[in-house]
């Protein structure tokens, strides 16, 4: 491929609307073009990268007996009504009607389509286990697309679905997929990806893991233990709090606290530490707007995912009106209205004397002891983990929080979809059962952008050779020089004949600085420079994009050197 023929636009300046480096570099380098909010077109450079990622994924999925299929992008609403997700998923799912007024959805995920495809096939235990997968375009109406390809609305994804007759068989296959994913991320050049326990969310099931690339631009908060292997997404991380009782019970008293509507205000007014306070965070159920109050220790934040799972449905921040049963700024668990559901977090357990709202305008309670003052008090885990919290695995106060980009996920779905959609098989003894499912996803474009975010410098991406758009970038400096052009052309033809993927820059009237700047933006791992200066000594300049190699090699030895360097780079992956 000659660079002068490449359909691509490259820019010198960083685009103003690109907040993260990978987004800026992929726009500057002519990888993609903005179409609409969270929607991009791929130029040939990016498409070559994603095609290689897809090829690696196919190899690994086929190696664990996956069979590739293709589901439709548009599905009838009936499929999603069967599973129960047509109404349970919010505005992320695009619903519309065709000209015949039939209700349809745009596929944001394909569990329903997978069950629909195989429920007639899988009617006997003899057909199990099996796994099907696809690489397909999807659309999810994200509320806040950001960071280029890392969070988009339209995207390409590999999703796989396995079907089993026992939990034990699912767990064995789940481990195969777990290992295959580790191989995939190593092969695309980011072996540093870590797995974390996660919340299953809209997917359902009890066990799930996310593959996280630890990076400050990530949206996810990852909880890690510095002393053991414990890792979890913040949404799923268990929060352990050990409050030490000093056996100093106080009488419950209602104190006037005028104008003190925040925890900080009331603790300052009463000269008390925030760790002895009970904070109220109010939500409403999406289904009926009923109020739900989460009570946590004053220095903790509510984990909305945990709360949502307890409530059993979606929630949103509350609007407290004059006729509501709650008094904004003065809400507490003692004598709270029976019209309200409330939950007390474990961070409140064991505190002898708490400050809490009195459910009365301008008043708080002091000396509240939940075990003494509230009958049959129950505690639940609804708070976010903090730095230096106690690890649920090793028991040490060594938890730390880092940012991460989710590059893959795997779920043990159980029978959520097969039961709702009436997929059954006949077992050996003639009994009928619902198959047990697993689900395994990787976002292709997000993975490419994540690799770029992890592997770049100020000049451009540093693509691992396994997914680089080309293996060699050949620069002919001064193509108007006959000898230089002859040597560069000859090397170009030899590289192609030896199955080396090469992008050849022999543009006229382009200075060396621009050639090198374009080469940096393309991020090809091996760079070969042919120039009049080097040819005076019969040399080629051969270097790697990461600057680990920079050698002057005889022209006659150049081809062999390049091939061996290519082989080494692949071996290092």
Protein backbone atom coordinates (compact mmCIF):
# COMPACT_ATOMS: atom_id res chain seq x y z
CA UNK A 1 0.00 0.00 0.00
CA UNK A 2 1.31 3.42 -0.90
CA UNK A 3 0.64 6.17 1.58
CA UNK A 4 -0.22 8.67 -1.14
CA UNK A 5 -3.17 6.44 -2.12
CA UNK A 6 -4.42 5.92 1.44
CA UNK A 7 -7.95 7.25 2.04
CA UNK A 8 -7.22 9.17 5.21
CA UNK A 9 -6.86 12.68 6.59
CA UNK A 10 -4.14 13.56 9.10
CA UNK A 11 -3.86 16.74 11.14
CA UNK A 12 -1.00 18.45 12.88
CA UNK A 13 -2.98 20.05 15.71
CA UNK A 14 -4.87 18.30 18.47
CA UNK A 15 -8.67 18.62 18.01
CA UNK A 16 -10.19 20.88 20.64
CA UNK A 17 -13.07 18.55 21.51
CA UNK A 18 -10.96 15.46 22.29
CA UNK A 19 -10.55 15.06 26.04
CA UNK A 20 -8.32 11.97 26.03
CA UNK A 21 -5.18 11.13 24.09
CA UNK A 22 -6.45 8.07 22.19
CA UNK A 23 -9.41 10.01 20.84
CA UNK A 24 -7.21 12.93 19.77
CA UNK A 25 -4.57 10.72 18.13
CA UNK A 26 -7.10 8.61 16.26
CA UNK A 27 -8.78 11.73 14.87
CA UNK A 28 -5.43 13.38 14.02
CA UNK A 29 -4.09 10.19 12.45
CA UNK A 30 -7.05 9.63 10.14
CA UNK A 31 -8.43 6.57 11.88
CA UNK A 32 -12.04 7.66 12.18
CA UNK A 33 -14.46 10.48 11.53
CA UNK A 34 -17.21 11.85 13.71
CA UNK A 35 -20.70 11.26 12.27
CA UNK A 36 -23.00 11.99 15.19
CA UNK A 37 -23.12 11.82 18.97
CA UNK A 38 -21.32 8.57 19.85
CA UNK A 39 -21.23 7.48 16.19
CA UNK A 40 -18.08 7.25 14.03
CA UNK A 41 -17.04 6.02 10.59
CA UNK A 42 -13.79 4.04 10.34
CA UNK A 43 -11.14 5.01 7.80
CA UNK A 44 -9.08 2.13 6.32
CA UNK A 45 -6.36 2.49 9.00
CA UNK A 46 -8.71 1.75 11.90
CA UNK A 47 -10.61 -0.86 9.92
CA UNK A 48 -7.37 -2.80 9.37
CA UNK A 49 -6.75 -2.73 13.12
CA UNK A 50 -10.24 -3.86 14.08
CA UNK A 51 -10.14 -6.58 11.42
CA UNK A 52 -7.00 -7.99 13.04
CA UNK A 53 -8.60 -7.85 16.48
CA UNK A 54 -11.61 -9.71 15.09
CA UNK A 55 -9.32 -12.33 13.54
CA UNK A 56 -7.59 -12.95 16.90
CA UNK A 57 -10.95 -13.23 18.63
CA UNK A 58 -12.27 -15.68 16.02
CA UNK A 59 -9.20 -17.88 16.43
CA UNK A 60 -9.60 -18.00 20.21
CA UNK A 61 -13.37 -18.55 20.10
CA UNK A 62 -13.00 -21.33 17.53
CA UNK A 63 -10.29 -22.91 19.68
CA UNK A 64 -12.83 -23.44 22.49
CA UNK A 65 -15.39 -24.93 20.08
CA UNK A 66 -17.32 -21.75 19.39
CA UNK A 67 -19.40 -21.64 16.22
CA UNK A 68 -19.84 -18.29 14.50
CA UNK A 69 -23.36 -17.14 13.67
CA UNK A 70 -24.96 -13.82 12.79
CA UNK A 71 -28.01 -12.31 14.46
CA UNK A 72 -30.15 -9.51 13.04
CA UNK A 73 -29.59 -5.92 14.11
CA UNK A 74 -33.36 -5.31 14.18
CA UNK A 75 -35.59 -7.64 16.19
CA UNK A 76 -39.34 -7.82 16.83
CA UNK A 77 -40.41 -6.52 20.21
CA UNK A 78 -42.04 -9.89 20.94
CA UNK A 79 -38.63 -11.48 21.53
CA UNK A 80 -37.77 -8.90 24.16
CA UNK A 81 -41.23 -9.12 25.66
CA UNK A 82 -40.69 -12.87 26.07
CA UNK A 83 -37.55 -12.26 28.12
CA UNK A 84 -39.15 -9.42 30.08
CA UNK A 85 -36.52 -6.88 29.05
CA UNK A 86 -38.67 -4.87 26.63
CA UNK A 87 -40.18 -3.00 29.57
CA UNK A 88 -37.41 -3.39 32.17
CA UNK A 89 -34.66 -1.70 30.13
CA UNK A 90 -34.86 2.06 29.94
CA UNK A 91 -34.11 4.48 27.13
CA UNK A 92 -30.83 2.75 26.20
CA UNK A 93 -32.97 0.35 24.14
CA UNK A 94 -34.21 1.95 20.92
CA UNK A 95 -37.84 1.02 20.22
CA UNK A 96 -39.65 1.91 17.00
CA UNK A 97 -42.35 0.77 14.58
CA UNK A 98 -42.19 -0.23 10.94
CA UNK A 99 -44.70 0.89 8.28
CA UNK A 100 -47.06 -1.89 9.36
CA UNK A 101 -47.03 -0.61 12.97
CA UNK A 102 -45.12 -3.68 14.17
CA UNK A 103 -43.01 -2.92 17.23
CA UNK A 104 -39.26 -3.40 16.72
CA UNK A 105 -36.03 -2.83 18.64
CA UNK A 106 -32.44 -2.10 17.64
CA UNK A 107 -30.15 -4.78 19.04
CA UNK A 108 -28.03 -3.51 21.92
CA UNK A 109 -27.31 -7.09 23.02
CA UNK A 110 -28.46 -10.45 21.66
CA UNK A 111 -29.41 -12.89 24.43
CA UNK A 112 -32.97 -13.07 23.11
CA UNK A 113 -31.84 -13.67 19.54
CA UNK A 114 -29.46 -16.41 20.70
CA UNK A 115 -32.20 -18.31 22.53
CA UNK A 116 -34.56 -17.83 19.60
CA UNK A 117 -31.97 -19.27 17.19
CA UNK A 118 -31.27 -22.51 19.08
CA UNK A 119 -34.36 -23.35 21.14
CA UNK A 120 -35.62 -25.83 18.52
CA UNK A 121 -32.13 -27.24 18.00
CA UNK A 122 -31.44 -27.76 21.70
CA UNK A 123 -34.39 -30.03 22.53
CA UNK A 124 -32.31 -33.01 23.68
CA UNK A 125 -29.56 -33.27 26.28
CA UNK A 126 -27.44 -34.91 23.56
CA UNK A 127 -27.01 -31.54 21.82
CA UNK A 128 -25.26 -29.99 24.84
CA UNK A 129 -22.98 -28.22 25.59
CA UNK A 130 -22.47 -25.79 22.72
CA UNK A 131 -21.41 -22.18 22.19
CA UNK A 132 -22.36 -19.75 19.44
CA UNK A 133 -20.85 -16.34 18.85
CA UNK A 134 -21.11 -13.40 16.50
CA UNK A 135 -19.25 -10.21 15.61
CA UNK A 136 -21.96 -7.66 14.92
CA UNK A 137 -22.91 -3.99 14.91
CA UNK A 138 -25.07 -2.87 17.83
CA UNK A 139 -26.71 0.31 19.02
CA UNK A 140 -27.16 1.44 22.60
CA UNK A 141 -28.53 4.92 23.23
CA UNK A 142 -25.93 5.93 25.80
CA UNK A 143 -26.84 9.03 27.77
CA UNK A 144 -23.27 10.38 27.78
CA UNK A 145 -21.08 9.10 24.91
CA UNK A 146 -17.49 10.19 25.49
CA UNK A 147 -13.81 9.49 24.87
CA UNK A 148 -14.03 8.68 21.18
CA UNK A 149 -14.45 4.94 20.63
CA UNK A 150 -14.31 4.09 24.33
CA UNK A 151 -17.97 4.98 25.01
CA UNK A 152 -20.12 5.17 21.90
CA UNK A 153 -23.70 4.50 20.86
CA UNK A 154 -23.06 2.45 17.72
CA UNK A 155 -20.37 -0.19 18.05
CA UNK A 156 -19.09 -3.56 16.87
CA UNK A 157 -19.05 -6.31 19.47
CA UNK A 158 -18.19 -9.94 19.76
CA UNK A 159 -20.78 -11.63 21.92
CA UNK A 160 -20.87 -15.33 22.64
CA UNK A 161 -23.53 -17.49 24.30
CA UNK A 162 -22.97 -20.95 25.74
CA UNK A 163 -25.69 -23.47 26.68
CA UNK A 164 -25.35 -26.20 29.31
CA UNK A 165 -27.29 -28.89 31.15
CA UNK A 166 -25.64 -28.34 34.55
CA UNK A 167 -24.10 -25.57 36.61
CA UNK A 168 -20.92 -27.61 36.86
CA UNK A 169 -20.63 -27.80 33.07
CA UNK A 170 -21.22 -24.03 32.80
CA UNK A 171 -18.50 -23.35 35.36
CA UNK A 172 -16.02 -25.53 33.47
CA UNK A 173 -16.75 -23.74 30.20
CA UNK A 174 -16.77 -20.35 31.94
CA UNK A 175 -13.17 -21.06 32.97
CA UNK A 176 -12.29 -21.89 29.33
CA UNK A 177 -13.69 -18.53 28.23
CA UNK A 178 -11.95 -16.81 31.13
CA UNK A 179 -8.62 -18.23 29.93
CA UNK A 180 -9.38 -17.50 26.27
CA UNK A 181 -10.04 -13.86 27.11
CA UNK A 182 -6.69 -13.61 28.87
CA UNK A 183 -5.04 -14.96 25.71
CA UNK A 184 -6.93 -12.48 23.53
CA UNK A 185 -5.83 -9.46 25.54
CA UNK A 186 -2.25 -10.72 25.60
CA UNK A 187 -2.28 -11.23 21.83
CA UNK A 188 -3.60 -7.73 21.12
CA UNK A 189 -0.78 -6.31 23.23
CA UNK A 190 -2.30 -5.48 26.64
CA UNK A 191 -1.47 -8.45 28.91
CA UNK A 192 -1.76 -6.08 31.89
CA UNK A 193 -5.58 -6.34 31.75
CA UNK A 194 -6.99 -7.57 35.08
CA UNK A 195 -10.22 -9.38 35.88
CA UNK A 196 -12.58 -8.06 38.51
CA UNK A 197 -15.79 -9.36 40.04
CA UNK A 198 -18.68 -7.26 38.77
CA UNK A 199 -22.40 -6.62 38.97
CA UNK A 200 -24.47 -8.40 36.30
CA UNK A 201 -26.82 -5.45 35.81
CA UNK A 202 -29.38 -5.78 33.02
CA UNK A 203 -27.76 -9.02 31.85
CA UNK A 204 -28.90 -11.01 34.88
CA UNK A 205 -27.20 -13.99 36.50
CA UNK A 206 -25.27 -14.35 39.72
CA UNK A 207 -21.60 -14.47 38.69
CA UNK A 208 -19.83 -12.10 36.33
CA UNK A 209 -16.36 -10.74 35.68
CA UNK A 210 -15.10 -7.70 33.84
CA UNK A 211 -11.72 -7.38 32.15
CA UNK A 212 -10.26 -4.02 33.06
CA UNK A 213 -7.38 -2.07 31.61
CA UNK A 214 -6.21 0.07 34.52
CA UNK A 215 -6.02 3.59 33.18
CA UNK A 216 -6.87 7.02 34.54
CA UNK A 217 -9.23 7.82 31.65
CA UNK A 218 -11.45 4.87 32.53
CA UNK A 219 -15.00 5.44 33.76
CA UNK A 220 -15.05 2.48 36.11
CA UNK A 221 -13.70 2.50 39.66
CA UNK A 222 -11.81 -0.70 40.44
CA UNK A 223 -11.25 -1.86 44.02
CA UNK A 224 -7.93 -3.68 44.47
CA UNK A 225 -6.20 -5.15 47.51
CA UNK A 226 -2.49 -4.42 47.81
CA UNK A 227 -1.95 -7.52 49.96
CA UNK A 228 -3.90 -10.23 48.11
CA UNK A 229 -5.58 -10.95 44.75
CA UNK A 230 -8.95 -9.41 45.61
CA UNK A 231 -10.30 -7.31 42.73
CA UNK A 232 -13.82 -6.02 42.14
CA UNK A 233 -15.67 -3.32 40.32
CA UNK A 234 -16.88 -0.62 42.72
CA UNK A 235 -20.46 -1.61 41.90
CA UNK A 236 -19.87 -5.13 43.25
CA UNK A 237 -17.16 -4.55 45.89
CA UNK A 238 -18.15 -5.61 49.39
CA UNK A 239 -17.79 -2.83 51.93
CA UNK A 240 -16.66 -3.95 55.38
CA UNK A 241 -16.77 -1.46 58.26
CA UNK A 242 -15.77 -2.27 61.83
CA UNK A 243 -17.18 0.28 64.27
CA UNK A 244 -15.75 -0.19 67.76
CA UNK A 245 -18.35 0.17 70.48
CA UNK A 246 -17.23 2.22 73.49
CA UNK A 247 -20.33 1.27 75.51
CA UNK A 248 -21.24 4.92 75.91
CA UNK A 249 -24.97 4.97 75.29
CA UNK A 250 -26.68 8.33 75.48
CA UNK A 251 -30.29 9.23 75.96
CA UNK A 252 -32.14 9.95 72.75
CA UNK A 253 -32.86 13.66 72.53
CA UNK A 254 -34.44 15.82 69.87
CA UNK A 255 -32.37 18.97 69.30
CA UNK A 256 -33.27 22.05 67.34
CA UNK A 257 -30.83 22.50 64.43
CA UNK A 258 -32.06 25.52 62.51
CA UNK A 259 -30.84 25.75 58.91
CA UNK A 260 -28.72 22.60 59.22
CA UNK A 261 -29.78 20.55 56.22
CA UNK A 262 -26.48 18.83 55.38
CA UNK A 263 -24.37 16.39 57.37
CA UNK A 264 -21.52 18.91 57.42
CA UNK A 265 -23.80 21.65 58.76
CA UNK A 266 -25.33 19.60 61.56
CA UNK A 267 -22.00 18.05 62.64
CA UNK A 268 -20.44 21.52 62.79
CA UNK A 269 -23.43 22.87 64.73
CA UNK A 270 -23.33 20.01 67.28
CA UNK A 271 -19.50 19.86 67.30
CA UNK A 272 -19.58 16.16 66.40
CA UNK A 273 -17.49 14.00 64.08
CA UNK A 274 -19.06 13.04 60.77
CA UNK A 275 -18.36 9.36 61.53
CA UNK A 276 -21.01 9.56 64.27
CA UNK A 277 -23.70 10.79 61.90
CA UNK A 278 -26.37 9.07 59.83
CA UNK A 279 -26.74 10.45 56.30
CA UNK A 280 -29.96 10.05 54.32
CA UNK A 281 -29.93 9.77 50.51
CA UNK A 282 -33.37 9.67 48.92
CA UNK A 283 -34.46 7.97 45.69
CA UNK A 284 -37.71 7.09 43.97
CA UNK A 285 -38.60 3.88 42.16
CA UNK A 286 -38.96 4.32 38.41
CA UNK A 287 -41.97 2.03 38.39
CA UNK A 288 -44.25 3.99 40.75
CA UNK A 289 -42.21 6.92 42.17
CA UNK A 290 -42.37 5.39 45.67
CA UNK A 291 -39.70 6.82 47.98
CA UNK A 292 -36.65 4.79 48.98
CA UNK A 293 -34.22 6.13 51.59
CA UNK A 294 -30.66 4.86 51.95
CA UNK A 295 -29.02 5.57 55.31
CA UNK A 296 -25.22 5.42 55.49
CA UNK A 297 -22.57 6.69 57.87
CA UNK A 298 -21.90 10.36 57.20
CA UNK A 299 -18.51 9.82 55.59
CA UNK A 300 -19.73 7.19 53.09
CA UNK A 301 -21.46 7.41 49.71
CA UNK A 302 -24.36 5.26 48.53
CA UNK A 303 -23.62 2.56 45.96
CA UNK A 304 -26.65 2.93 43.71
CA UNK A 305 -26.09 -0.42 42.01
CA UNK A 306 -26.25 -2.27 45.31
CA UNK A 307 -29.35 -0.32 46.30
CA UNK A 308 -31.00 -0.97 42.93
CA UNK A 309 -30.40 -4.70 43.33
CA UNK A 310 -32.03 -4.63 46.79
CA UNK A 311 -34.99 -2.62 45.57
CA UNK A 312 -35.40 -4.96 42.62
CA UNK A 313 -35.82 -2.26 39.98
CA UNK A 314 -34.52 1.01 38.63
CA UNK A 315 -34.40 4.09 40.83
CA UNK A 316 -33.69 7.78 40.35
CA UNK A 317 -32.78 10.70 42.64
CA UNK A 318 -35.91 11.84 44.48
CA UNK A 319 -37.82 15.04 44.16
CA UNK A 320 -39.18 15.81 47.62
CA UNK A 321 -42.33 17.91 47.37
CA UNK A 322 -44.38 19.67 50.05
CA UNK A 323 -46.92 16.84 50.17
CA UNK A 324 -44.33 14.05 50.40
CA UNK A 325 -43.93 12.08 53.64
CA UNK A 326 -40.30 13.24 53.96
CA UNK A 327 -38.80 16.45 55.30
CA UNK A 328 -35.84 17.40 53.12
CA UNK A 329 -32.66 17.89 55.13
CA UNK A 330 -34.05 16.33 58.31
CA UNK A 331 -34.62 12.68 57.38
CA UNK A 332 -33.70 9.91 59.82
CA UNK A 333 -34.54 6.24 60.39
CA UNK A 334 -36.23 6.76 63.78
CA UNK A 335 -40.00 7.31 63.40
CA UNK A 336 -39.72 7.63 59.63
CA UNK A 337 -43.01 7.50 57.71
CA UNK A 338 -44.35 4.02 56.97
CA UNK A 339 -45.06 5.19 53.43
CA UNK A 340 -41.32 5.07 52.81
CA UNK A 341 -39.02 2.09 52.25
CA UNK A 342 -35.63 2.51 53.88
CA UNK A 343 -32.36 0.63 54.22
CA UNK A 344 -29.62 1.03 56.83
CA UNK A 345 -26.07 0.38 55.71
CA UNK A 346 -23.61 -1.81 57.60
CA UNK A 347 -21.45 1.25 58.18
CA UNK A 348 -23.98 2.30 60.87
CA UNK A 349 -23.81 -0.96 62.80
CA UNK A 350 -22.26 -0.85 66.25
CA UNK A 351 -22.20 2.94 66.68
CA UNK A 352 -23.30 3.75 70.22
CA UNK A 353 -24.61 7.25 69.58
CA UNK A 354 -25.64 8.72 66.25
CA UNK A 355 -26.81 12.08 64.97
CA UNK A 356 -29.72 11.66 62.56
CA UNK A 357 -32.61 13.63 61.17
CA UNK A 358 -35.75 13.81 63.34
CA UNK A 359 -38.18 13.83 60.37
CA UNK A 360 -39.24 17.25 61.58
CA UNK A 361 -38.33 20.60 60.07
CA UNK A 362 -35.36 22.13 61.91
CA UNK A 363 -34.65 19.20 64.25
CA UNK A 364 -32.18 16.30 64.58
CA UNK A 365 -31.82 13.47 67.04
CA UNK A 366 -28.69 13.09 69.13
CA UNK A 367 -27.85 9.86 70.94
CA UNK A 368 -29.65 7.58 68.45
CA UNK A 369 -28.72 3.93 68.95
CA UNK A 370 -30.19 1.90 66.11
CA UNK A 371 -30.13 -1.45 67.92
CA UNK A 372 -31.86 0.04 70.96
CA UNK A 373 -34.25 2.50 69.36
CA UNK A 374 -35.44 0.71 66.20
CA UNK A 375 -37.17 -2.63 66.57
CA UNK A 376 -35.80 -5.49 64.44
CA UNK A 377 -33.18 -3.29 62.80
CA UNK A 378 -31.53 -4.92 59.80
CA UNK A 379 -28.34 -3.85 58.05
CA UNK A 380 -27.43 -4.21 54.37
CA UNK A 381 -24.38 -3.41 52.26
CA UNK A 382 -25.29 -0.32 50.18
CA UNK A 383 -22.20 1.89 50.54
CA UNK A 384 -19.24 2.47 48.25
CA UNK A 385 -15.85 1.20 49.32
CA UNK A 386 -13.31 3.84 50.38
CA UNK A 387 -9.52 3.91 50.26
CA UNK A 388 -7.91 1.73 52.96
CA UNK A 389 -11.13 -0.14 53.64
CA UNK A 390 -11.00 -3.72 54.89
CA UNK A 391 -10.42 -6.37 52.23
CA UNK A 392 -13.17 -9.04 52.31
CA UNK A 393 -10.59 -11.62 51.21
CA UNK A 394 -7.58 -11.15 53.50
CA UNK A 395 -9.20 -8.98 56.17
CA UNK A 396 -6.57 -6.23 56.05
CA UNK A 397 -7.30 -2.50 55.64
CA UNK A 398 -5.46 -2.47 52.31
CA UNK A 399 -8.05 -1.70 49.63
CA UNK A 400 -7.17 0.90 47.04
CA UNK A 401 -9.25 2.38 44.22
CA UNK A 402 -8.07 2.85 40.64
CA UNK A 403 -9.70 3.82 37.38
CA UNK A 404 -10.19 1.30 34.59
CA UNK A 405 -11.57 0.81 31.07
CA UNK A 406 -13.80 -2.22 30.67
CA UNK A 407 -12.54 -4.12 27.61
CA UNK A 408 -14.54 -7.34 28.08
CA UNK A 409 -17.04 -9.11 30.27
CA UNK A 410 -18.28 -12.61 31.00
CA UNK A 411 -21.49 -13.64 32.78
CA UNK A 412 -23.01 -16.80 34.20
CA UNK A 413 -26.59 -16.06 33.21
CA UNK A 414 -28.28 -19.17 34.62
CA UNK A 415 -31.78 -19.82 33.25
CA UNK A 416 -32.98 -16.19 33.16
CA UNK A 417 -33.53 -16.20 29.40
CA UNK A 418 -34.20 -19.86 28.63
CA UNK A 419 -36.88 -20.05 31.32
CA UNK A 420 -38.63 -16.82 30.30
CA UNK A 421 -38.46 -17.78 26.63
CA UNK A 422 -39.53 -21.39 27.20
CA UNK A 423 -36.40 -23.10 25.86
CA UNK A 424 -36.38 -26.66 27.18
CA UNK A 425 -34.59 -29.93 26.58
CA UNK A 426 -35.40 -33.54 27.42
CA UNK A 427 -32.90 -35.06 29.86
CA UNK A 428 -31.75 -38.69 29.99
CA UNK A 429 -34.58 -39.63 32.34
CA UNK A 430 -37.22 -37.92 30.21
CA UNK A 431 -37.59 -34.88 32.46
CA UNK A 432 -37.77 -31.37 31.03
CA UNK A 433 -35.26 -28.65 31.97
CA UNK A 434 -34.25 -25.15 30.95
CA UNK A 435 -30.66 -24.92 29.67
CA UNK A 436 -28.18 -22.86 31.68
CA UNK A 437 -26.48 -20.03 29.80
CA UNK A 438 -23.20 -18.16 29.84
CA UNK A 439 -22.51 -14.89 27.99
CA UNK A 440 -19.15 -13.45 26.89
CA UNK A 441 -18.60 -10.02 25.27
CA UNK A 442 -15.76 -7.87 23.87
CA UNK A 443 -16.21 -4.45 22.26
CA UNK A 444 -13.99 -4.31 19.17
CA UNK A 445 -13.68 -0.56 18.69
CA UNK A 446 -13.34 0.09 22.41
CA UNK A 447 -10.55 -2.48 22.58
CA UNK A 448 -8.67 -0.75 19.74
CA UNK A 449 -9.04 2.64 21.44
CA UNK A 450 -8.00 1.15 24.79
CA UNK A 451 -4.81 -0.29 23.30
CA UNK A 452 -4.08 3.15 21.83
CA UNK A 453 -4.69 4.76 25.23
CA UNK A 454 -2.28 2.34 26.87
CA UNK A 455 0.34 2.34 24.10
CA UNK A 456 1.15 5.82 22.84
CA UNK A 457 3.49 8.75 23.26
CA UNK A 458 3.03 12.44 22.51
CA UNK A 459 3.54 11.82 18.77
CA UNK A 460 1.08 9.01 18.16
CA UNK A 461 0.04 5.40 18.89
CA UNK A 462 2.57 2.62 19.37
CA UNK A 463 0.61 -0.31 17.98
CA UNK A 464 1.58 -3.87 18.96
CA UNK A 465 2.55 -5.68 15.77
CA UNK A 466 -0.29 -8.18 16.19
CA UNK A 467 -2.93 -5.52 15.48
CA UNK A 468 -0.91 -2.75 13.79
CA UNK A 469 -2.42 -1.52 10.52
CA UNK A 470 0.83 -2.53 8.80
CA UNK A 471 3.97 -4.29 10.00
CA UNK A 472 6.48 -2.03 8.26
CA UNK A 473 6.42 1.67 7.37
CA UNK A 474 8.87 2.35 4.53
CA UNK A 475 9.92 5.98 4.09
CA UNK A 476 11.66 7.09 0.90
CA UNK A 477 13.36 10.39 1.70
CA UNK A 478 13.97 12.36 -1.50
CA UNK A 479 12.12 10.16 -4.03
CA UNK A 480 13.40 12.58 -6.67
CA UNK A 481 16.84 10.99 -6.16
CA UNK A 482 17.08 8.14 -8.66
CA UNK A 483 19.20 5.79 -6.53
CA UNK A 484 17.14 6.36 -3.41
CA UNK A 485 13.90 5.68 -5.27
CA UNK A 486 15.33 2.54 -6.89
CA UNK A 487 16.46 1.04 -3.56
CA UNK A 488 13.18 1.92 -1.83
CA UNK A 489 11.04 0.55 -4.67
CA UNK A 490 13.07 -2.65 -4.76
CA UNK A 491 12.71 -3.16 -1.01
CA UNK A 492 8.98 -2.45 -1.22
CA UNK A 493 8.49 -5.20 -3.83
CA UNK A 494 10.61 -7.69 -1.86
CA UNK A 495 8.68 -7.02 1.34
CA UNK A 496 5.38 -7.65 -0.42
CA UNK A 497 6.67 -10.87 -1.97
CA UNK A 498 7.70 -12.06 1.50
CA UNK A 499 4.21 -11.42 2.90
CA UNK A 500 5.26 -8.41 4.94
CA UNK A 501 2.47 -5.86 5.34
CA UNK A 502 4.03 -2.57 4.31
CA UNK A 503 2.86 1.00 3.92
CA UNK A 504 5.18 2.85 1.55
CA UNK A 505 5.63 6.63 1.69
CA UNK A 506 7.21 7.85 -1.54
CA UNK A 507 5.31 11.11 -1.78
CA UNK A 508 6.91 13.88 -3.82
CA UNK A 509 7.47 17.30 -2.30
CA UNK A 510 6.98 16.02 1.26
CA UNK A 511 9.77 16.81 3.67
CA UNK A 512 11.28 14.21 5.96
CA UNK A 513 9.78 15.86 9.05
CA UNK A 514 6.25 15.48 7.73
CA UNK A 515 6.92 11.90 6.66
CA UNK A 516 8.12 11.02 10.14
CA UNK A 517 5.22 12.85 11.79
CA UNK A 518 2.76 10.88 9.66
CA UNK A 519 4.62 7.67 10.47
CA UNK A 520 4.33 8.43 14.18
CA UNK A 521 0.59 8.99 13.85
CA UNK A 522 0.16 5.68 12.04
CA UNK A 523 2.14 3.93 14.77
CA UNK A 524 3.48 1.09 12.60
CA UNK A 525 5.93 -0.97 14.71
CA UNK A 526 8.86 -1.18 12.24
CA UNK A 527 10.12 1.87 10.35
CA UNK A 528 12.59 1.67 7.47
CA UNK A 529 14.13 4.87 6.13
CA UNK A 530 15.84 4.99 2.75
CA UNK A 531 17.66 8.27 2.18
CA UNK A 532 20.56 9.64 0.11
CA UNK A 533 22.57 10.25 3.27
CA UNK A 534 22.28 6.65 4.48
CA UNK A 535 22.88 5.23 1.02
CA UNK A 536 26.26 6.97 0.90
CA UNK A 537 27.31 4.22 3.32
CA UNK A 538 25.01 1.66 1.64
CA UNK A 539 22.81 1.58 4.75
CA UNK A 540 19.13 1.48 5.64
CA UNK A 541 17.91 3.02 8.89
CA UNK A 542 15.68 0.49 10.67
CA UNK A 543 13.94 1.34 13.92
CA UNK A 544 10.92 0.40 15.98
CA UNK A 545 8.13 2.77 16.88
CA UNK A 546 8.80 2.27 20.59
CA UNK A 547 12.45 3.31 20.03
CA UNK A 548 13.77 0.03 21.43
CA UNK A 549 15.60 -0.63 18.14
CA UNK A 550 17.48 1.85 15.94
CA UNK A 551 20.04 0.30 13.62
CA UNK A 552 21.91 1.10 10.41
CA UNK A 553 21.79 -2.06 8.31
CA UNK A 554 23.47 -2.85 5.00
CA UNK A 555 21.05 -2.65 2.07
CA UNK A 556 21.85 -6.24 1.08
CA UNK A 557 20.92 -7.46 4.58
CA UNK A 558 17.90 -5.21 5.06
CA UNK A 559 15.20 -7.67 4.00
CA UNK A 560 16.45 -10.47 6.27
CA UNK A 561 16.86 -8.06 9.17
CA UNK A 562 13.32 -6.75 8.78
CA UNK A 563 11.82 -10.26 8.60
CA UNK A 564 13.71 -11.39 11.70
CA UNK A 565 12.72 -8.22 13.58
CA UNK A 566 9.11 -8.82 12.59
CA UNK A 567 9.29 -12.40 13.89
CA UNK A 568 10.82 -11.20 17.15
CA UNK A 569 8.08 -8.63 17.70
CA UNK A 570 5.43 -11.28 17.19
CA UNK A 571 7.27 -13.65 19.54
CA UNK A 572 7.44 -10.94 22.20
CA UNK A 573 3.64 -10.62 22.11
